[in-house]
Amino acid sequence: MGKRKAKAARGIPVPSAVESALDTALDRALRIQRPVVSAYLDRVRAKRPRATPAEVVEMLERRYFSTVVGIGGASGAAAALPGVGTAATVASGAAEITAFVGATALFALALAELHSVPISDPEVRRALVVAVLLGDAGTAVLAGEQGERHWAQLLGRSMAKDRIGDINGRLGHLLLTRFGARQGALLFGRALPLGLGAGVGAVGNAALARTAIAAARRAFGPAPSTFPPRVIDG
């Protein structure tokens, strides 16, 4: 990801614990396999078997948002418990980053499955997940390359391997200098006492989730009119 070079170039103080947690979280999130994504999408649909694709997208967005807000609040509450030291606070923050990135990856990959976007290529998966995590910054990179507003539809079909690699390098730089810096700020905010840390964690994750949802909408465009054949239609 070129982390050290990126940090030195931008002069942004990203805690080493955040760098390490972000790397680990992304690697783990990108190992989510398609059967897991399909099963998740089926569980969401089972809540409302008659829901349209557009309604399922809304359900995915609401579930993702509530999940990451809950993650942020729980992490902040744990970090602020009496007697919790710096090491425990950092560990709690690392776990929160892992959970947030994992939830975002599952959200983005479920949308890809619903929109029939091919994601079997690891580099395509990385570009999609990181761009959604980054929000506007990631969208600008992908939309500029693709020349399309709904860039996810063309990502795996029309981009050469060398271009994907270059794009992932640029996205990786942004992931550290922007997303990593925000997580670094939240790491300290979640440690505030008297319940303030839980509020900071929840509000911070809510803001990040909104940017990810907006980025996903721009990436995929309107919901498909019908469900793809591989998704079980209830």
Protein backbone atom coordinates (compact mmCIF):
# COMPACT_ATOMS: atom_id res chain seq x y z
CA MET A 1 0.00 0.00 0.00
CA GLY A 2 3.02 2.23 0.26
CA LYS A 3 1.92 3.30 3.73
CA ARG A 4 5.07 4.93 5.07
CA LYS A 5 5.72 6.84 1.88
CA ALA A 6 2.13 8.04 1.78
CA LYS A 7 2.26 9.23 5.37
CA ALA A 8 5.52 11.08 4.89
CA ALA A 9 4.30 12.71 1.70
CA ARG A 10 1.12 14.02 3.22
CA GLY A 11 2.44 14.66 6.76
CA ILE A 12 -0.71 13.18 8.29
CA PRO A 13 -0.19 11.57 11.71
CA VAL A 14 -1.74 8.12 11.27
CA PRO A 15 -1.09 6.01 14.39
CA SER A 16 0.89 2.85 13.67
CA ALA A 17 -1.84 0.84 15.38
CA VAL A 18 -4.35 2.18 12.86
CA GLU A 19 -2.05 1.36 9.93
CA SER A 20 -1.66 -2.21 11.12
CA ALA A 21 -5.35 -2.64 11.91
CA LEU A 22 -6.36 -1.21 8.54
CA ASP A 23 -4.07 -3.57 6.64
CA THR A 24 -5.31 -6.59 8.58
CA ALA A 25 -8.96 -5.54 8.30
CA LEU A 26 -8.79 -5.05 4.54
CA ASP A 27 -6.99 -8.34 3.93
CA ARG A 28 -9.58 -10.18 5.98
CA ALA A 29 -12.51 -8.40 4.37
CA LEU A 30 -11.30 -9.18 0.86
CA ARG A 31 -11.26 -12.90 1.69
CA ILE A 32 -15.06 -12.92 1.99
CA GLN A 33 -16.18 -15.54 -0.54
CA ARG A 34 -19.09 -15.29 -2.91
CA PRO A 35 -21.18 -18.03 -1.19
CA VAL A 36 -21.01 -15.97 2.02
CA VAL A 37 -22.18 -12.88 0.13
CA SER A 38 -25.00 -14.80 -1.59
CA ALA A 39 -26.14 -16.31 1.71
CA TYR A 40 -26.16 -12.86 3.32
CA LEU A 41 -28.21 -11.43 0.47
CA ASP A 42 -30.67 -14.33 0.75
CA ARG A 43 -31.05 -13.71 4.50
CA VAL A 44 -31.83 -10.05 3.88
CA ARG A 45 -34.38 -10.96 1.24
CA ALA A 46 -35.99 -13.55 3.51
CA LYS A 47 -37.11 -10.71 5.79
CA ARG A 48 -39.36 -9.44 3.00
CA PRO A 49 -39.79 -12.11 0.31
CA ARG A 50 -41.90 -9.84 -1.90
CA ALA A 51 -39.47 -6.92 -1.83
CA THR A 52 -38.33 -5.50 -5.16
CA PRO A 53 -34.62 -5.14 -6.01
CA ALA A 54 -34.83 -1.43 -5.17
CA GLU A 55 -36.35 -2.24 -1.78
CA VAL A 56 -33.63 -4.82 -1.12
CA VAL A 57 -31.00 -2.15 -1.81
CA GLU A 58 -32.69 0.07 0.79
CA MET A 59 -32.71 -2.85 3.24
CA LEU A 60 -29.00 -3.44 2.67
CA GLU A 61 -28.28 0.24 3.26
CA ARG A 62 -30.31 0.40 6.48
CA ARG A 63 -28.77 -2.80 7.82
CA TYR A 64 -25.26 -1.63 7.01
CA PHE A 65 -25.83 1.78 8.59
CA SER A 66 -27.29 0.40 11.82
CA THR A 67 -24.54 -2.21 12.06
CA VAL A 68 -21.62 0.21 11.82
CA VAL A 69 -23.23 2.78 14.10
CA GLY A 70 -23.65 0.03 16.67
CA ILE A 71 -20.04 -1.02 16.19
CA GLY A 72 -18.82 2.53 16.81
CA GLY A 73 -20.92 3.01 19.91
CA ALA A 74 -19.95 -0.33 21.44
CA SER A 75 -16.26 0.28 20.79
CA GLY A 76 -16.39 3.72 22.38
CA ALA A 77 -18.26 2.41 25.41
CA ALA A 78 -15.74 -0.40 25.92
CA ALA A 79 -12.75 1.90 25.58
CA ALA A 80 -14.12 4.30 28.19
CA LEU A 81 -14.74 1.71 30.93
CA PRO A 82 -13.01 2.53 34.24
CA GLY A 83 -9.60 0.91 34.49
CA VAL A 84 -9.20 0.38 30.75
CA GLY A 85 -5.65 1.34 29.78
CA THR A 86 -4.12 2.63 26.57
CA ALA A 87 -3.31 -0.85 25.25
CA ALA A 88 -6.90 -1.98 25.73
CA THR A 89 -8.18 1.19 24.08
CA VAL A 90 -5.97 0.59 21.05
CA ALA A 91 -7.08 -3.04 20.90
CA SER A 92 -10.71 -1.96 21.03
CA GLY A 93 -10.07 0.54 18.25
CA ALA A 94 -8.36 -2.07 16.10
CA ALA A 95 -11.31 -4.43 16.54
CA GLU A 96 -13.68 -1.62 15.59
CA ILE A 97 -11.74 -0.89 12.40
CA THR A 98 -11.80 -4.58 11.49
CA ALA A 99 -15.55 -4.78 12.07
CA PHE A 100 -16.25 -1.57 10.17
CA VAL A 101 -14.20 -2.57 7.13
CA GLY A 102 -15.71 -6.06 7.15
CA ALA A 103 -19.26 -4.69 7.27
CA THR A 104 -18.49 -2.26 4.44
CA ALA A 105 -16.99 -5.02 2.32
CA LEU A 106 -20.02 -7.26 2.82
CA PHE A 107 -22.32 -4.36 1.95
CA ALA A 108 -20.41 -3.52 -1.25
CA LEU A 109 -20.08 -7.13 -2.36
CA ALA A 110 -23.77 -7.83 -1.71
CA LEU A 111 -24.65 -4.88 -3.95
CA ALA A 112 -22.28 -6.23 -6.60
CA GLU A 113 -24.04 -9.60 -6.42
CA LEU A 114 -27.44 -7.96 -6.72
CA HIS A 115 -26.30 -5.88 -9.71
CA SER A 116 -24.58 -8.87 -11.40
CA VAL A 117 -21.18 -7.15 -11.24
CA PRO A 118 -18.37 -9.74 -11.59
CA ILE A 119 -16.13 -9.68 -8.52
CA SER A 120 -14.16 -12.91 -8.78
CA ASP A 121 -10.92 -11.05 -9.63
CA PRO A 122 -9.19 -10.11 -6.33
CA GLU A 123 -7.98 -6.79 -7.77
CA VAL A 124 -11.50 -5.86 -8.85
CA ARG A 125 -12.81 -6.73 -5.40
CA ARG A 126 -10.13 -4.58 -3.79
CA ALA A 127 -10.88 -1.59 -6.02
CA LEU A 128 -14.61 -1.87 -5.37
CA VAL A 129 -14.37 -2.24 -1.58
CA VAL A 130 -11.70 0.43 -1.08
CA ALA A 131 -13.48 2.93 -3.33
CA VAL A 132 -16.71 2.49 -1.37
CA LEU A 133 -14.81 2.86 1.92
CA LEU A 134 -13.26 6.11 0.70
CA GLY A 135 -16.50 7.70 -0.45
CA ASP A 136 -16.07 10.75 -2.72
CA ALA A 137 -12.31 10.35 -3.03
CA GLY A 138 -12.59 6.75 -4.20
CA THR A 139 -15.45 7.56 -6.54
CA ALA A 140 -13.40 10.33 -8.16
CA VAL A 141 -10.57 7.90 -8.94
CA LEU A 142 -12.81 5.22 -10.45
CA ALA A 143 -15.24 7.53 -12.25
CA GLY A 144 -12.30 9.39 -13.80
CA GLU A 145 -10.79 6.17 -15.09
CA GLN A 146 -14.00 4.71 -16.39
CA GLY A 147 -15.49 7.90 -17.79
CA GLU A 148 -18.80 6.75 -16.35
CA ARG A 149 -20.83 7.77 -13.36
CA HIS A 150 -21.81 4.18 -12.55
CA TRP A 151 -18.28 2.84 -12.72
CA ALA A 152 -18.86 -0.46 -10.91
CA GLN A 153 -20.79 -1.80 -13.89
CA LEU A 154 -17.66 -1.59 -16.07
CA LEU A 155 -14.94 -2.20 -13.51
CA GLY A 156 -14.41 -5.90 -14.03
CA ARG A 157 -15.35 -6.01 -17.70
CA SER A 158 -13.31 -3.35 -19.43
CA MET A 159 -10.21 -2.55 -17.40
CA ALA A 160 -6.82 -4.09 -18.12
CA LYS A 161 -4.81 -5.70 -15.31
CA ASP A 162 -2.11 -3.04 -15.34
CA ARG A 163 -4.68 -0.26 -14.98
CA ILE A 164 -6.39 -2.06 -12.10
CA GLY A 165 -3.04 -2.37 -10.34
CA ASP A 166 -2.31 1.33 -10.79
CA ILE A 167 -5.77 2.30 -9.55
CA ASN A 168 -5.43 0.10 -6.48
CA GLY A 169 -2.12 1.78 -5.73
CA ARG A 170 -3.77 5.19 -5.82
CA LEU A 171 -6.73 3.97 -3.77
CA GLY A 172 -4.37 2.41 -1.22
CA HIS A 173 -2.59 5.73 -0.77
CA LEU A 174 -5.91 7.49 -0.20
CA LEU A 175 -7.10 4.77 2.16
CA LEU A 176 -4.23 5.48 4.51
CA THR A 177 -4.03 9.26 4.22
CA ARG A 178 -7.78 9.89 4.41
CA PHE A 179 -9.66 6.94 5.90
CA GLY A 180 -6.72 6.03 8.14
CA ALA A 181 -6.40 9.59 9.43
CA ARG A 182 -10.11 9.67 10.26
CA GLN A 183 -9.84 6.38 12.11
CA GLY A 184 -6.84 7.74 14.00
CA ALA A 185 -8.91 10.70 15.19
CA LEU A 186 -11.77 8.40 16.18
CA LEU A 187 -9.36 6.16 18.09
CA PHE A 188 -8.73 8.98 20.57
CA GLY A 189 -12.28 10.27 20.52
CA ARG A 190 -13.68 6.87 21.49
CA ALA A 191 -11.51 6.89 24.62
CA LEU A 192 -13.30 9.92 26.11
CA PRO A 193 -14.93 9.24 29.52
CA LEU A 194 -18.49 9.58 30.81
CA GLY A 195 -20.07 7.96 27.77
CA LEU A 196 -18.72 10.60 25.41
CA GLY A 197 -16.52 8.03 23.66
CA ALA A 198 -19.53 5.93 22.70
CA GLY A 199 -21.16 9.00 21.20
CA VAL A 200 -18.04 9.89 19.25
CA GLY A 201 -17.75 6.34 17.95
CA ALA A 202 -21.38 6.16 16.87
CA VAL A 203 -21.43 9.61 15.26
CA GLY A 204 -18.08 9.07 13.55
CA ASN A 205 -19.14 5.74 12.10
CA ALA A 206 -22.48 7.20 11.02
CA ALA A 207 -20.66 9.86 9.00
CA LEU A 208 -18.36 7.28 7.40
CA ALA A 209 -21.30 5.01 6.63
CA ARG A 210 -23.20 7.81 4.90
CA THR A 211 -20.23 8.52 2.62
CA ALA A 212 -19.90 4.80 1.83
CA ILE A 213 -23.61 4.49 1.00
CA ALA A 214 -23.46 7.56 -1.24
CA ALA A 215 -20.38 6.18 -2.99
CA ALA A 216 -22.11 2.82 -3.54
CA ARG A 217 -25.13 4.52 -5.07
CA ARG A 218 -22.92 6.37 -7.52
CA ALA A 219 -20.92 3.23 -8.25
CA PHE A 220 -23.81 0.90 -9.03
CA GLY A 221 -26.56 3.24 -10.19
CA PRO A 222 -30.27 2.38 -9.96
CA ALA A 223 -31.28 -1.05 -8.73
CA PRO A 224 -31.86 -3.67 -11.45
CA SER A 225 -35.45 -4.26 -12.52
CA THR A 226 -35.23 -7.97 -11.73
CA PHE A 227 -33.14 -10.17 -9.48
CA PRO A 228 -30.21 -11.97 -11.09
CA PRO A 229 -30.88 -15.68 -11.74
CA ARG A 230 -28.37 -16.84 -9.16
CA VAL A 231 -30.22 -15.04 -6.35
CA ILE A 232 -33.06 -17.20 -5.06
CA ASP A 233 -36.32 -15.41 -5.84
CA GLY A 234 -38.78 -15.80 -3.00
